[in-house]
Amino acid sequence: MTIASTLSVDELDAIAEGAAERGEPAAGAAELVAIVDGGRLADPRDDVVALGMAAELLFNADDPAGSLDLTDRAIDAHRRHGTAADFAQLFRARLLFELDRADEAMAELTPLRPLLTTDPDAAAEIAEALLAGGRGETAHEWLSVAVDEARAALPETDDLDDAGELATVIVYALITQRHAVRHELGLPHDALDEMAEELEAAAEEEHQAELTAALSGPFLFLPAAEFARLAERRPDLAESCGPTWEAHRADIEHILATVAETGITGARGIVRGTADELVQLSERRGDDPVDDVLDDYADELDGRGLNVPWPPARNDVCWCGSEVKYKKCCLPRSR
């Protein structure tokens, strides 16, 4: 008898994403539920994740009743595991609004209102739920009060600890979400709206700078034999590069295709490395984060001129060393 393999959160996520991309959310939800019911989770506590993903897929399939059933199962699982079900409850409130059960939705939502000043993700979730129920004015009221409370709690120093950083992020989330709700309601701009637009513009500029830096490379590539050797010697390093060689080369192709599409200039492309050199560098660096080691090794290879031309012509041999034409090898992986 064949025993079905267990699945990690990353594999669950891939199932959900694949179903969404294929336009088959209901089928994806059914597959995730079958995994839970079949005891195929690598960690049984991940049932809350699988059920939550399945509920979202059914919501996207215009099945709020089915989504509610799965959300209730996810909340029950949270309680069994002793974990917070706050965001599952927020989603449940939104579903209740969608099902014209407004009184139940508000009863679910109101006790969660304090999340607005403790969790930066709560502003968008609560606002979306209230807007789904036609309660935009309530969303505006709750967010306005929360903004005042959160701003009053901001530290006065620029030298922020973790708590100060969190407080700042919460204020940003509240101000920008309040701005979005006011726009939805057609309200005229006030001083906080102006602040929201300035904050959003600054955040977008920072995001673009980070994206450009992340996509500029160089990108470390390990040929198949080197990746296999690395997986034998240092599985942790191989996992950070992969987790499989197929994923490793597909990720690089996808990133470089994205660079080409976005028109980012100055990208340094691909550099070819070896398992032995990477392991030696990691051992010299001791407890340094793996991502820093990988980035520094790529920079070192770039400095030595060990670059791999990309992209090859469609009918040329693929850059990954497979000896297969590019158009039949890595080119389709970027899609």
C-alpha atoms as a PDB file:
ATOM      1  CA  MET A   1       0.000   0.000   0.000  1.00  0.00           C
ATOM      2  CA  THR A   2       1.319   3.464  -0.899  1.00  0.00           C
ATOM      3  CA  ILE A   3       1.435   5.942   1.967  1.00  0.00           C
ATOM      4  CA  ALA A   4       0.669   9.526   0.944  1.00  0.00           C
ATOM      5  CA  SER A   5       3.408  11.984   1.815  1.00  0.00           C
ATOM      6  CA  THR A   6       2.898  14.697   4.412  1.00  0.00           C
ATOM      7  CA  LEU A   7       2.813  18.327   3.351  1.00  0.00           C
ATOM      8  CA  SER A   8       4.407  21.491   4.717  1.00  0.00           C
ATOM      9  CA  VAL A   9       2.887  24.976   4.831  1.00  0.00           C
ATOM     10  CA  ASP A  10       4.898  25.960   1.743  1.00  0.00           C
ATOM     11  CA  GLU A  11       3.423  23.015  -0.161  1.00  0.00           C
ATOM     12  CA  LEU A  12      -0.082  23.947   0.999  1.00  0.00           C
ATOM     13  CA  ASP A  13       0.527  27.477  -0.219  1.00  0.00           C
ATOM     14  CA  ALA A  14       1.655  26.166  -3.601  1.00  0.00           C
ATOM     15  CA  ILE A  15      -1.570  24.149  -3.904  1.00  0.00           C
ATOM     16  CA  ALA A  16      -3.691  27.208  -3.086  1.00  0.00           C
ATOM     17  CA  GLU A  17      -1.758  29.476  -5.459  1.00  0.00           C
ATOM     18  CA  GLY A  18      -1.902  26.917  -8.237  1.00  0.00           C
ATOM     19  CA  ALA A  19      -5.653  26.529  -7.894  1.00  0.00           C
ATOM     20  CA  ALA A  20      -6.143  30.294  -7.978  1.00  0.00           C
ATOM     21  CA  GLU A  21      -3.926  30.702 -11.035  1.00  0.00           C
ATOM     22  CA  ARG A  22      -5.814  27.951 -12.888  1.00  0.00           C
ATOM     23  CA  GLY A  23      -9.152  29.564 -12.052  1.00  0.00           C
ATOM     24  CA  GLU A  24     -10.187  26.510 -10.021  1.00  0.00           C
ATOM     25  CA  PRO A  25     -10.531  27.829  -6.444  1.00  0.00           C
ATOM     26  CA  ALA A  26     -13.251  25.367  -5.418  1.00  0.00           C
ATOM     27  CA  ALA A  27     -11.132  22.409  -6.539  1.00  0.00           C
ATOM     28  CA  GLY A  28      -8.164  23.800  -4.635  1.00  0.00           C
ATOM     29  CA  ALA A  29     -10.280  24.179  -1.501  1.00  0.00           C
ATOM     30  CA  ALA A  30     -11.477  20.595  -1.798  1.00  0.00           C
ATOM     31  CA  GLU A  31      -7.881  19.372  -2.149  1.00  0.00           C
ATOM     32  CA  LEU A  32      -6.763  21.264   0.965  1.00  0.00           C
ATOM     33  CA  VAL A  33      -9.687  19.957   3.009  1.00  0.00           C
ATOM     34  CA  ALA A  34      -8.922  16.412   1.849  1.00  0.00           C
ATOM     35  CA  ILE A  35      -5.326  16.848   3.024  1.00  0.00           C
ATOM     36  CA  VAL A  36      -6.534  17.919   6.473  1.00  0.00           C
ATOM     37  CA  ASP A  37      -9.149  15.164   6.740  1.00  0.00           C
ATOM     38  CA  GLY A  38      -6.678  12.586   5.453  1.00  0.00           C
ATOM     39  CA  GLY A  39      -4.111  13.416   8.143  1.00  0.00           C
ATOM     40  CA  ARG A  40      -1.516  14.421   5.558  1.00  0.00           C
ATOM     41  CA  LEU A  41      -0.137  17.501   7.305  1.00  0.00           C
ATOM     42  CA  ALA A  42       3.526  17.441   8.309  1.00  0.00           C
ATOM     43  CA  ASP A  43       2.493  19.371  11.425  1.00  0.00           C
ATOM     44  CA  PRO A  44      -1.098  18.690  12.584  1.00  0.00           C
ATOM     45  CA  ARG A  45      -1.303  22.263  13.894  1.00  0.00           C
ATOM     46  CA  ASP A  46      -1.141  23.478  10.298  1.00  0.00           C
ATOM     47  CA  ASP A  47      -4.796  22.521   9.914  1.00  0.00           C
ATOM     48  CA  VAL A  48      -5.631  26.138  10.786  1.00  0.00           C
ATOM     49  CA  VAL A  49      -3.519  27.282   7.819  1.00  0.00           C
ATOM     50  CA  ALA A  50      -4.950  24.745   5.376  1.00  0.00           C
ATOM     51  CA  LEU A  51      -8.539  25.414   6.403  1.00  0.00           C
ATOM     52  CA  GLY A  52      -7.991  29.172   6.246  1.00  0.00           C
ATOM     53  CA  MET A  53      -6.570  28.893   2.731  1.00  0.00           C
ATOM     54  CA  ALA A  54      -9.475  26.680   1.686  1.00  0.00           C
ATOM     55  CA  ALA A  55     -11.973  29.157   3.141  1.00  0.00           C
ATOM     56  CA  GLU A  56     -10.396  32.005   1.188  1.00  0.00           C
ATOM     57  CA  LEU A  57     -10.499  29.968  -2.017  1.00  0.00           C
ATOM     58  CA  LEU A  58     -14.214  29.282  -1.567  1.00  0.00           C
ATOM     59  CA  PHE A  59     -14.805  32.964  -0.865  1.00  0.00           C
ATOM     60  CA  ASN A  60     -13.097  33.743  -4.173  1.00  0.00           C
ATOM     61  CA  ALA A  61     -15.305  31.097  -5.786  1.00  0.00           C
ATOM     62  CA  ASP A  62     -18.386  33.092  -4.683  1.00  0.00           C
ATOM     63  CA  ASP A  63     -19.323  30.501  -2.074  1.00  0.00           C
ATOM     64  CA  PRO A  64     -19.504  32.501   1.185  1.00  0.00           C
ATOM     65  CA  ALA A  65     -21.593  29.822   2.921  1.00  0.00           C
ATOM     66  CA  GLY A  66     -19.007  27.132   2.201  1.00  0.00           C
ATOM     67  CA  SER A  67     -16.263  29.553   3.183  1.00  0.00           C
ATOM     68  CA  LEU A  68     -18.022  30.216   6.494  1.00  0.00           C
ATOM     69  CA  ASP A  69     -18.191  26.498   7.262  1.00  0.00           C
ATOM     70  CA  LEU A  70     -14.449  26.142   6.723  1.00  0.00           C
ATOM     71  CA  THR A  71     -13.714  29.298   8.707  1.00  0.00           C
ATOM     72  CA  ASP A  72     -15.690  27.869  11.623  1.00  0.00           C
ATOM     73  CA  ARG A  73     -13.575  24.720  11.390  1.00  0.00           C
ATOM     74  CA  ALA A  74     -10.413  26.842  11.387  1.00  0.00           C
ATOM     75  CA  ILE A  75     -11.571  28.738  14.480  1.00  0.00           C
ATOM     76  CA  ASP A  76     -12.323  25.456  16.252  1.00  0.00           C
ATOM     77  CA  ALA A  77      -8.833  24.241  15.338  1.00  0.00           C
ATOM     78  CA  HIS A  78      -7.292  27.430  16.744  1.00  0.00           C
ATOM     79  CA  ARG A  79      -9.098  26.823  20.016  1.00  0.00           C
ATOM     80  CA  ARG A  80      -7.948  23.196  20.166  1.00  0.00           C
ATOM     81  CA  HIS A  81      -4.352  24.311  19.683  1.00  0.00           C
ATOM     82  CA  GLY A  82      -4.649  27.234  22.094  1.00  0.00           C
ATOM     83  CA  THR A  83      -3.764  29.808  19.418  1.00  0.00           C
ATOM     84  CA  ALA A  84      -5.392  33.156  18.717  1.00  0.00           C
ATOM     85  CA  ALA A  85      -8.224  33.034  16.179  1.00  0.00           C
ATOM     86  CA  ASP A  86      -8.573  36.820  15.868  1.00  0.00           C
ATOM     87  CA  PHE A  87      -8.046  37.094  12.128  1.00  0.00           C
ATOM     88  CA  ALA A  88     -10.136  34.039  11.371  1.00  0.00           C
ATOM     89  CA  GLN A  89     -12.908  35.743  13.352  1.00  0.00           C
ATOM     90  CA  LEU A  90     -12.429  38.959  11.373  1.00  0.00           C
ATOM     91  CA  PHE A  91     -12.827  36.971   8.163  1.00  0.00           C
ATOM     92  CA  ARG A  92     -15.881  35.279   9.669  1.00  0.00           C
ATOM     93  CA  ALA A  93     -17.458  38.680  10.328  1.00  0.00           C
ATOM     94  CA  ARG A  94     -16.915  39.649   6.699  1.00  0.00           C
ATOM     95  CA  LEU A  95     -18.564  36.422   5.551  1.00  0.00           C
ATOM     96  CA  LEU A  96     -21.538  37.044   7.824  1.00  0.00           C
ATOM     97  CA  PHE A  97     -21.980  40.466   6.236  1.00  0.00           C
ATOM     98  CA  GLU A  98     -21.824  38.836   2.786  1.00  0.00           C
ATOM     99  CA  LEU A  99     -24.587  36.451   3.908  1.00  0.00           C
ATOM    100  CA  ASP A 100     -26.805  39.343   5.118  1.00  0.00           C
ATOM    101  CA  ARG A 101     -26.345  38.369   8.769  1.00  0.00           C
ATOM    102  CA  ALA A 102     -25.303  41.866   9.822  1.00  0.00           C
ATOM    103  CA  ASP A 103     -26.232  41.613  13.517  1.00  0.00           C
ATOM    104  CA  GLU A 104     -24.127  38.468  13.918  1.00  0.00           C
ATOM    105  CA  ALA A 105     -21.287  40.099  12.000  1.00  0.00           C
ATOM    106  CA  MET A 106     -21.208  43.135  14.298  1.00  0.00           C
ATOM    107  CA  ALA A 107     -21.385  40.857  17.344  1.00  0.00           C
ATOM    108  CA  GLU A 108     -18.313  39.052  16.003  1.00  0.00           C
ATOM    109  CA  LEU A 109     -16.495  42.224  15.031  1.00  0.00           C
ATOM    110  CA  THR A 110     -17.047  44.588  17.956  1.00  0.00           C
ATOM    111  CA  PRO A 111     -14.985  42.619  20.537  1.00  0.00           C
ATOM    112  CA  LEU A 112     -12.103  42.627  18.048  1.00  0.00           C
ATOM    113  CA  ARG A 113     -12.018  46.413  17.747  1.00  0.00           C
ATOM    114  CA  PRO A 114      -9.052  46.741  20.198  1.00  0.00           C
ATOM    115  CA  LEU A 115      -6.887  44.964  17.616  1.00  0.00           C
ATOM    116  CA  LEU A 116      -6.776  48.273  15.729  1.00  0.00           C
ATOM    117  CA  THR A 117      -4.228  49.654  18.201  1.00  0.00           C
ATOM    118  CA  THR A 118      -2.254  46.443  18.765  1.00  0.00           C
ATOM    119  CA  ASP A 119      -1.860  44.792  15.344  1.00  0.00           C
ATOM    120  CA  PRO A 120      -0.965  46.671  12.134  1.00  0.00           C
ATOM    121  CA  ASP A 121      -2.823  44.141   9.970  1.00  0.00           C
ATOM    122  CA  ALA A 122      -6.119  44.694  11.753  1.00  0.00           C
ATOM    123  CA  ALA A 123      -6.952  48.061  10.174  1.00  0.00           C
ATOM    124  CA  ALA A 124      -7.386  46.689   6.662  1.00  0.00           C
ATOM    125  CA  GLU A 125      -9.214  43.528   7.778  1.00  0.00           C
ATOM    126  CA  ILE A 126     -11.695  45.382   9.987  1.00  0.00           C
ATOM    127  CA  ALA A 127     -12.276  48.101   7.399  1.00  0.00           C
ATOM    128  CA  GLU A 128     -12.870  45.533   4.640  1.00  0.00           C
ATOM    129  CA  ALA A 129     -15.367  43.652   6.789  1.00  0.00           C
ATOM    130  CA  LEU A 130     -17.307  46.804   7.674  1.00  0.00           C
ATOM    131  CA  LEU A 131     -17.291  48.068   4.103  1.00  0.00           C
ATOM    132  CA  ALA A 132     -18.586  44.691   2.909  1.00  0.00           C
ATOM    133  CA  GLY A 133     -21.535  45.192   5.237  1.00  0.00           C
ATOM    134  CA  GLY A 134     -22.214  48.745   4.105  1.00  0.00           C
ATOM    135  CA  ARG A 135     -20.835  50.106   7.399  1.00  0.00           C
ATOM    136  CA  GLY A 136     -18.344  52.563   5.957  1.00  0.00           C
ATOM    137  CA  GLU A 137     -19.287  55.262   8.482  1.00  0.00           C
ATOM    138  CA  THR A 138     -18.599  52.833  11.335  1.00  0.00           C
ATOM    139  CA  ALA A 139     -15.237  51.958   9.781  1.00  0.00           C
ATOM    140  CA  HIS A 140     -14.392  55.649   9.576  1.00  0.00           C
ATOM    141  CA  GLU A 141     -15.390  56.228  13.192  1.00  0.00           C
ATOM    142  CA  TRP A 142     -13.416  53.255  14.517  1.00  0.00           C
ATOM    143  CA  LEU A 143     -10.310  54.144  12.520  1.00  0.00           C
ATOM    144  CA  SER A 144     -10.429  57.825  13.507  1.00  0.00           C
ATOM    145  CA  VAL A 145     -10.638  56.982  17.212  1.00  0.00           C
ATOM    146  CA  ALA A 146      -7.883  54.393  16.854  1.00  0.00           C
ATOM    147  CA  VAL A 147      -5.602  56.867  15.045  1.00  0.00           C
ATOM    148  CA  ASP A 148      -5.901  59.315  17.946  1.00  0.00           C
ATOM    149  CA  GLU A 149      -5.195  56.586  20.494  1.00  0.00           C
ATOM    150  CA  ALA A 150      -2.244  55.191  18.555  1.00  0.00           C
ATOM    151  CA  ARG A 151      -0.661  58.596  17.921  1.00  0.00           C
ATOM    152  CA  ALA A 152      -0.933  59.419  21.605  1.00  0.00           C
ATOM    153  CA  ALA A 153       0.992  56.233  22.389  1.00  0.00           C
ATOM    154  CA  LEU A 154       3.873  56.996  20.001  1.00  0.00           C
ATOM    155  CA  PRO A 155       7.287  57.277  21.709  1.00  0.00           C
ATOM    156  CA  GLU A 156       8.749  60.759  21.754  1.00  0.00           C
ATOM    157  CA  THR A 157      12.273  59.609  20.858  1.00  0.00           C
ATOM    158  CA  ASP A 158      13.589  58.781  17.387  1.00  0.00           C
ATOM    159  CA  ASP A 159      15.639  55.926  18.865  1.00  0.00           C
ATOM    160  CA  LEU A 160      12.925  53.276  18.692  1.00  0.00           C
ATOM    161  CA  ASP A 161      12.946  49.862  20.308  1.00  0.00           C
ATOM    162  CA  ASP A 162      10.795  47.007  18.965  1.00  0.00           C
ATOM    163  CA  ALA A 163       7.709  48.335  20.733  1.00  0.00           C
ATOM    164  CA  GLY A 164       8.297  51.798  19.295  1.00  0.00           C
ATOM    165  CA  GLU A 165       8.747  50.391  15.804  1.00  0.00           C
ATOM    166  CA  LEU A 166       5.480  48.470  16.140  1.00  0.00           C
ATOM    167  CA  ALA A 167       3.651  51.574  17.365  1.00  0.00           C
ATOM    168  CA  THR A 168       4.904  53.510  14.338  1.00  0.00           C
ATOM    169  CA  VAL A 169       3.784  50.797  11.911  1.00  0.00           C
ATOM    170  CA  ILE A 170       0.348  50.696  13.546  1.00  0.00           C
ATOM    171  CA  VAL A 171      -0.077  54.461  13.152  1.00  0.00           C
ATOM    172  CA  TYR A 172       0.913  54.201   9.489  1.00  0.00           C
ATOM    173  CA  ALA A 173      -1.606  51.403   8.898  1.00  0.00           C
ATOM    174  CA  LEU A 174      -4.409  53.290  10.614  1.00  0.00           C
ATOM    175  CA  ILE A 175      -3.804  56.621   8.878  1.00  0.00           C
ATOM    176  CA  THR A 176      -3.531  55.100   5.402  1.00  0.00           C
ATOM    177  CA  GLN A 177      -6.540  52.811   5.905  1.00  0.00           C
ATOM    178  CA  ARG A 178      -8.602  55.708   7.238  1.00  0.00           C
ATOM    179  CA  HIS A 179      -7.628  57.627   4.093  1.00  0.00           C
ATOM    180  CA  ALA A 180      -8.830  54.730   1.909  1.00  0.00           C
ATOM    181  CA  VAL A 181     -12.152  54.564   3.741  1.00  0.00           C
ATOM    182  CA  ARG A 182     -12.673  58.316   3.455  1.00  0.00           C
ATOM    183  CA  HIS A 183     -12.009  58.049  -0.279  1.00  0.00           C
ATOM    184  CA  GLU A 184     -14.577  55.248  -0.491  1.00  0.00           C
ATOM    185  CA  LEU A 185     -17.095  57.461   1.318  1.00  0.00           C
ATOM    186  CA  GLY A 186     -16.337  60.466  -0.889  1.00  0.00           C
ATOM    187  CA  LEU A 187     -15.271  62.651   2.044  1.00  0.00           C
ATOM    188  CA  PRO A 188     -13.120  65.763   1.450  1.00  0.00           C
ATOM    189  CA  HIS A 189      -9.453  65.640   2.386  1.00  0.00           C
ATOM    190  CA  ASP A 190      -8.439  66.626   5.891  1.00  0.00           C
ATOM    191  CA  ALA A 191      -4.992  66.983   7.472  1.00  0.00           C
ATOM    192  CA  LEU A 192      -4.684  63.232   8.125  1.00  0.00           C
ATOM    193  CA  ASP A 193      -5.515  62.508   4.486  1.00  0.00           C
ATOM    194  CA  GLU A 194      -2.654  64.754   3.419  1.00  0.00           C
ATOM    195  CA  MET A 195      -0.374  62.956   5.864  1.00  0.00           C
ATOM    196  CA  ALA A 196      -1.549  59.592   4.520  1.00  0.00           C
ATOM    197  CA  GLU A 197      -0.667  60.541   0.955  1.00  0.00           C
ATOM    198  CA  GLU A 198       2.781  61.741   2.013  1.00  0.00           C
ATOM    199  CA  LEU A 199       3.386  58.524   3.946  1.00  0.00           C
ATOM    200  CA  GLU A 200       2.196  56.366   1.043  1.00  0.00           C
ATOM    201  CA  ALA A 201       4.426  58.217  -1.415  1.00  0.00           C
ATOM    202  CA  ALA A 202       7.440  57.789   0.872  1.00  0.00           C
ATOM    203  CA  ALA A 203       6.670  54.108   1.381  1.00  0.00           C
ATOM    204  CA  GLU A 204       6.311  53.538  -2.369  1.00  0.00           C
ATOM    205  CA  GLU A 205       9.639  55.265  -3.012  1.00  0.00           C
ATOM    206  CA  GLU A 206      11.332  53.106  -0.388  1.00  0.00           C
ATOM    207  CA  HIS A 207       9.688  49.981  -1.798  1.00  0.00           C
ATOM    208  CA  GLN A 208      10.892  50.767  -5.314  1.00  0.00           C
ATOM    209  CA  ALA A 209      14.435  51.343  -4.030  1.00  0.00           C
ATOM    210  CA  GLU A 210      14.378  48.021  -2.174  1.00  0.00           C
ATOM    211  CA  LEU A 211      12.929  46.236  -5.214  1.00  0.00           C
ATOM    212  CA  THR A 212      15.602  47.678  -7.489  1.00  0.00           C
ATOM    213  CA  ALA A 213      18.319  46.614  -5.058  1.00  0.00           C
ATOM    214  CA  ALA A 214      16.855  43.113  -4.711  1.00  0.00           C
ATOM    215  CA  LEU A 215      16.584  42.662  -8.477  1.00  0.00           C
ATOM    216  CA  SER A 216      20.002  44.038  -9.314  1.00  0.00           C
ATOM    217  CA  GLY A 217      21.766  40.802  -8.360  1.00  0.00           C
ATOM    218  CA  PRO A 218      24.097  39.146  -8.934  1.00  0.00           C
ATOM    219  CA  PHE A 219      22.183  35.878  -8.543  1.00  0.00           C
ATOM    220  CA  LEU A 220      24.042  32.812  -7.352  1.00  0.00           C
ATOM    221  CA  PHE A 221      23.546  29.753  -9.561  1.00  0.00           C
ATOM    222  CA  LEU A 222      24.689  26.226  -8.737  1.00  0.00           C
ATOM    223  CA  PRO A 223      24.758  23.703 -11.613  1.00  0.00           C
ATOM    224  CA  ALA A 224      22.880  20.472 -10.976  1.00  0.00           C
ATOM    225  CA  ALA A 225      25.910  18.500  -9.774  1.00  0.00           C
ATOM    226  CA  GLU A 226      27.015  21.315  -7.460  1.00  0.00           C
ATOM    227  CA  PHE A 227      23.507  21.685  -6.029  1.00  0.00           C
ATOM    228  CA  ALA A 228      23.376  17.945  -5.320  1.00  0.00           C
ATOM    229  CA  ARG A 229      26.766  18.116  -3.605  1.00  0.00           C
ATOM    230  CA  LEU A 230      25.625  21.063  -1.508  1.00  0.00           C
ATOM    231  CA  ALA A 231      22.446  19.199  -0.509  1.00  0.00           C
ATOM    232  CA  GLU A 232      24.641  16.352   0.756  1.00  0.00           C
ATOM    233  CA  ARG A 233      27.081  18.543   2.681  1.00  0.00           C
ATOM    234  CA  ARG A 234      24.858  21.374   3.894  1.00  0.00           C
ATOM    235  CA  PRO A 235      21.117  20.783   3.437  1.00  0.00           C
ATOM    236  CA  ASP A 236      20.375  24.121   5.124  1.00  0.00           C
ATOM    237  CA  LEU A 237      22.300  26.041   2.473  1.00  0.00           C
ATOM    238  CA  ALA A 238      20.714  24.022  -0.324  1.00  0.00           C
ATOM    239  CA  GLU A 239      17.251  24.722   1.110  1.00  0.00           C
ATOM    240  CA  SER A 240      17.961  28.452   1.021  1.00  0.00           C
ATOM    241  CA  CYS A 241      19.012  28.186  -2.634  1.00  0.00           C
ATOM    242  CA  GLY A 242      16.214  25.873  -3.714  1.00  0.00           C
ATOM    243  CA  PRO A 243      14.682  23.907  -2.069  1.00  0.00           C
ATOM    244  CA  THR A 244      15.296  21.730  -5.164  1.00  0.00           C
ATOM    245  CA  TRP A 245      17.512  22.311  -8.173  1.00  0.00           C
ATOM    246  CA  GLU A 246      14.432  22.644 -10.359  1.00  0.00           C
ATOM    247  CA  ALA A 247      13.119  25.377  -8.068  1.00  0.00           C
ATOM    248  CA  HIS A 248      16.582  26.964  -7.872  1.00  0.00           C
ATOM    249  CA  ARG A 249      16.936  27.495 -11.619  1.00  0.00           C
ATOM    250  CA  ALA A 250      13.250  28.382 -12.052  1.00  0.00           C
ATOM    251  CA  ASP A 251      13.530  31.118  -9.399  1.00  0.00           C
ATOM    252  CA  ILE A 252      16.538  32.661 -11.127  1.00  0.00           C
ATOM    253  CA  GLU A 253      14.843  32.593 -14.530  1.00  0.00           C
ATOM    254  CA  HIS A 254      11.698  34.155 -13.097  1.00  0.00           C
ATOM    255  CA  ILE A 255      13.602  36.939 -11.317  1.00  0.00           C
ATOM    256  CA  LEU A 256      15.614  37.853 -14.398  1.00  0.00           C
ATOM    257  CA  ALA A 257      12.478  37.827 -16.549  1.00  0.00           C
ATOM    258  CA  THR A 258      10.914  40.207 -14.031  1.00  0.00           C
ATOM    259  CA  VAL A 259      13.967  42.466 -14.242  1.00  0.00           C
ATOM    260  CA  ALA A 260      13.664  42.538 -18.021  1.00  0.00           C
ATOM    261  CA  GLU A 261       9.950  43.329 -17.884  1.00  0.00           C
ATOM    262  CA  THR A 262      10.287  46.128 -15.335  1.00  0.00           C
ATOM    263  CA  GLY A 263      13.124  47.784 -17.220  1.00  0.00           C
ATOM    264  CA  ILE A 264      15.442  47.882 -14.213  1.00  0.00           C
ATOM    265  CA  THR A 265      18.937  48.752 -15.407  1.00  0.00           C
ATOM    266  CA  GLY A 266      22.284  47.751 -13.959  1.00  0.00           C
ATOM    267  CA  ALA A 267      21.317  44.157 -13.085  1.00  0.00           C
ATOM    268  CA  ARG A 268      24.439  41.997 -12.822  1.00  0.00           C
ATOM    269  CA  GLY A 269      22.770  38.736 -13.824  1.00  0.00           C
ATOM    270  CA  ILE A 270      23.863  35.205 -12.966  1.00  0.00           C
ATOM    271  CA  VAL A 271      27.105  34.006 -11.395  1.00  0.00           C
ATOM    272  CA  ARG A 272      28.074  30.324 -11.263  1.00  0.00           C
ATOM    273  CA  GLY A 273      29.359  28.962  -7.953  1.00  0.00           C
ATOM    274  CA  THR A 274      30.450  25.704  -6.369  1.00  0.00           C
ATOM    275  CA  ALA A 275      29.254  23.801  -3.328  1.00  0.00           C
ATOM    276  CA  ASP A 276      32.719  23.550  -1.782  1.00  0.00           C
ATOM    277  CA  GLU A 277      33.390  27.275  -1.955  1.00  0.00           C
ATOM    278  CA  LEU A 278      29.985  28.108  -0.525  1.00  0.00           C
ATOM    279  CA  VAL A 279      30.405  25.672   2.363  1.00  0.00           C
ATOM    280  CA  GLN A 280      33.876  27.012   3.133  1.00  0.00           C
ATOM    281  CA  LEU A 281      32.622  30.599   3.167  1.00  0.00           C
ATOM    282  CA  SER A 282      29.703  29.649   5.414  1.00  0.00           C
ATOM    283  CA  GLU A 283      32.025  27.929   7.869  1.00  0.00           C
ATOM    284  CA  ARG A 284      34.333  30.961   7.961  1.00  0.00           C
ATOM    285  CA  ARG A 285      31.368  33.250   8.596  1.00  0.00           C
ATOM    286  CA  GLY A 286      30.121  31.167  11.536  1.00  0.00           C
ATOM    287  CA  ASP A 287      26.737  32.338  12.771  1.00  0.00           C
ATOM    288  CA  ASP A 288      26.141  34.946  10.059  1.00  0.00           C
ATOM    289  CA  PRO A 289      22.665  34.750   8.469  1.00  0.00           C
ATOM    290  CA  VAL A 290      22.524  32.366   5.510  1.00  0.00           C
ATOM    291  CA  ASP A 291      21.101  35.030   3.183  1.00  0.00           C
ATOM    292  CA  ASP A 292      24.069  37.317   3.922  1.00  0.00           C
ATOM    293  CA  VAL A 293      26.498  34.480   3.148  1.00  0.00           C
ATOM    294  CA  LEU A 294      24.763  33.716  -0.168  1.00  0.00           C
ATOM    295  CA  ASP A 295      24.702  37.385  -1.185  1.00  0.00           C
ATOM    296  CA  ASP A 296      28.364  37.907  -0.310  1.00  0.00           C
ATOM    297  CA  TYR A 297      29.404  34.769  -2.198  1.00  0.00           C
ATOM    298  CA  ALA A 298      27.504  35.998  -5.256  1.00  0.00           C
ATOM    299  CA  ASP A 299      29.259  39.379  -5.005  1.00  0.00           C
ATOM    300  CA  GLU A 300      32.629  37.622  -4.749  1.00  0.00           C
ATOM    301  CA  LEU A 301      31.926  35.527  -7.851  1.00  0.00           C
ATOM    302  CA  ASP A 302      30.796  38.647  -9.704  1.00  0.00           C
ATOM    303  CA  GLY A 303      34.083  40.299  -8.809  1.00  0.00           C
ATOM    304  CA  ARG A 304      35.938  37.322 -10.259  1.00  0.00           C
ATOM    305  CA  GLY A 305      34.023  37.622 -13.526  1.00  0.00           C
ATOM    306  CA  LEU A 306      32.260  34.276 -13.214  1.00  0.00           C
ATOM    307  CA  ASN A 307      29.119  35.487 -14.927  1.00  0.00           C
ATOM    308  CA  VAL A 308      26.675  33.458 -17.026  1.00  0.00           C
ATOM    309  CA  PRO A 309      25.229  35.313 -20.036  1.00  0.00           C
ATOM    310  CA  TRP A 310      21.447  35.741 -19.914  1.00  0.00           C
ATOM    311  CA  PRO A 311      19.186  35.391 -21.807  1.00  0.00           C
ATOM    312  CA  PRO A 312      20.471  33.057 -24.473  1.00  0.00           C
ATOM    313  CA  ALA A 313      18.805  33.028 -27.884  1.00  0.00           C
ATOM    314  CA  ARG A 314      15.693  30.849 -27.972  1.00  0.00           C
ATOM    315  CA  ASN A 315      17.413  28.112 -29.979  1.00  0.00           C
ATOM    316  CA  ASP A 316      20.722  28.269 -28.093  1.00  0.00           C
ATOM    317  CA  VAL A 317      21.648  25.865 -25.329  1.00  0.00           C
ATOM    318  CA  CYS A 318      20.043  26.916 -22.032  1.00  0.00           C
ATOM    319  CA  TRP A 319      22.103  28.877 -19.515  1.00  0.00           C
ATOM    320  CA  CYS A 320      21.445  26.286 -16.761  1.00  0.00           C
ATOM    321  CA  GLY A 321      23.719  23.669 -18.355  1.00  0.00           C
ATOM    322  CA  SER A 322      20.981  21.201 -19.233  1.00  0.00           C
ATOM    323  CA  GLU A 323      22.190  20.983 -22.881  1.00  0.00           C
ATOM    324  CA  VAL A 324      18.546  21.565 -23.913  1.00  0.00           C
ATOM    325  CA  LYS A 325      17.493  24.535 -26.037  1.00  0.00           C
ATOM    326  CA  TYR A 326      16.550  27.570 -23.956  1.00  0.00           C
ATOM    327  CA  LYS A 327      13.039  27.745 -25.447  1.00  0.00           C
ATOM    328  CA  LYS A 328      12.332  24.202 -24.230  1.00  0.00           C
ATOM    329  CA  CYS A 329      14.130  24.457 -20.892  1.00  0.00           C
ATOM    330  CA  CYS A 330      14.232  27.530 -18.630  1.00  0.00           C
ATOM    331  CA  LEU A 331      12.425  30.067 -20.820  1.00  0.00           C
ATOM    332  CA  PRO A 332       8.964  28.597 -20.003  1.00  0.00           C
ATOM    333  CA  ARG A 333       9.847  28.572 -16.289  1.00  0.00           C
ATOM    334  CA  SER A 334       9.641  32.355 -16.134  1.00  0.00           C
ATOM    335  CA  ARG A 335       5.914  32.059 -16.797  1.00  0.00           C
END
